[in-house]
Amino acid sequence: MDKQKAGLALNHAMEITEKNWKMFEGGFPAPASMNNLYPKIVNNDWTAGFYTGMLWLFYEYSHKPFFRELAEKQLPDFRDRLERRVVVDHHDMGFIFGLSCVAAYKLTGNESARETALIAADNLKSRFHEKGQFIQAWGLLGDPNEYRLIIDCLLNLPLLYWASEVTGDPSYRICAEKHFDTARKTVIREDFSTYHTYYFDKETGMPSYGATKQGYSDSSTWSRGQAWGVYGLILNYAWQKDSTILPEWKGVTDYFIDHLPEDLTAYWDFHFRDGDEPRDSSASAIAVCGIQEAYRQGGCDKAYLDKAYEILDSLVDNYAAKPKEKGNGLLKHATYGRLLGEGVDEFSLWGDYFYVEALYRVIQPDWRMYW
């Protein structure tokens, strides 16, 4: 993997996106494709920001006004979603509004996008429970059946750090740090595998038990969840500079790498190491981004970066869509929810995004993150 190969792969991804943008005019791609074609949906899922984030990455890479204009046209839809409270009773504010609105503010100085992202940060902060010291992942606040966090939230916390940075209000950062401390104590097992989700007792706030919603079993390791750990831990380190995070990052990352199959693209759960079970290419793309950021932060040696580039090489060579192929996505063979039968062996919108981010990081190692 070098800048030339990454540039060629990015150009292919950009060509596919530019060729298909009209299919999503006035809306967004669904979280996962169906028969390799993303349907168009309204802005009501946790994944909309990944599409806008890709547009911003393509704009940064190519400097083509087309991508900036397309991304900017979507920004009012994000504000409207918050004002009408369209499916915002969850923790995925960073995925939705960080990659769309924080990115817009960082790249263009768009004040309206800044305001929208701060409203989203308020919504995320409002989900923090003093009993348990965590941000509730899903559902109505205080619902005892939903009194839990999930590992994915590690990537939503940067929205809160950013909000403190731009407003001077420390309450956002304090909320993020408290949730992070709780998450790292609960979702990371002794062998550095991870739980997808962790429940708490609503009356006492004490940790109860780890479980999964998307993995093979409560005791297995859902590969995308492990990848959220690889990237999420180092993102929190980037904001906190707490050196105690780095040994945990290395443990979680080593576990991810050590459980990859021969072609370095993860099965949907690390219970599987070979056979006919579906892969989740998105997990490998997420992990690559996490390793790239860790290397930039001085949190790992070059051997980790070399391994990340091996993984990315495999994605480019074996999993990336080509411009003339059928379909409108970028990274094939992802899995959304294997046991639910959702998006199995399809494109996934987040997989496409992290694939593009990983490629752009090769070309621009000092990329100013949207996170």
Foldseek 3Di string as FASTA:
>chain_A
DFLVLLVVLLVQQVLLCVVCVVQAVVFAFDQFADVQATHTDHPQDLARLLNLLLLLLCCVVPVDVVSVVVLVVCQVSLLVCLVVVRNLQFQSLCNRLLSRLLSCCVVPVDVVSVVSLLSSLVSQLVQADPLQLARFGHDDRLDLVRQKDFLLNLNSLVSLLVSCVVPVDCSSVVSSVSRVVSQVVAQQDPQRAGAGMWHAGSVRNHTDAGWHDFEPTRPWHFLLSLLSLLQSLLVVCVRVVDLVSLVSNVSSLCVNQVLAEPQRFAFRTSVDRDDDGFTANLSLLSNLVSLLSCVVVVSDDCVSNVVSVSSLVSQSVPFADGNPDPHSAGGFGRDDGVVVPPNGRTHGSSSRSSNSVSSVCSVPVPDDDSD
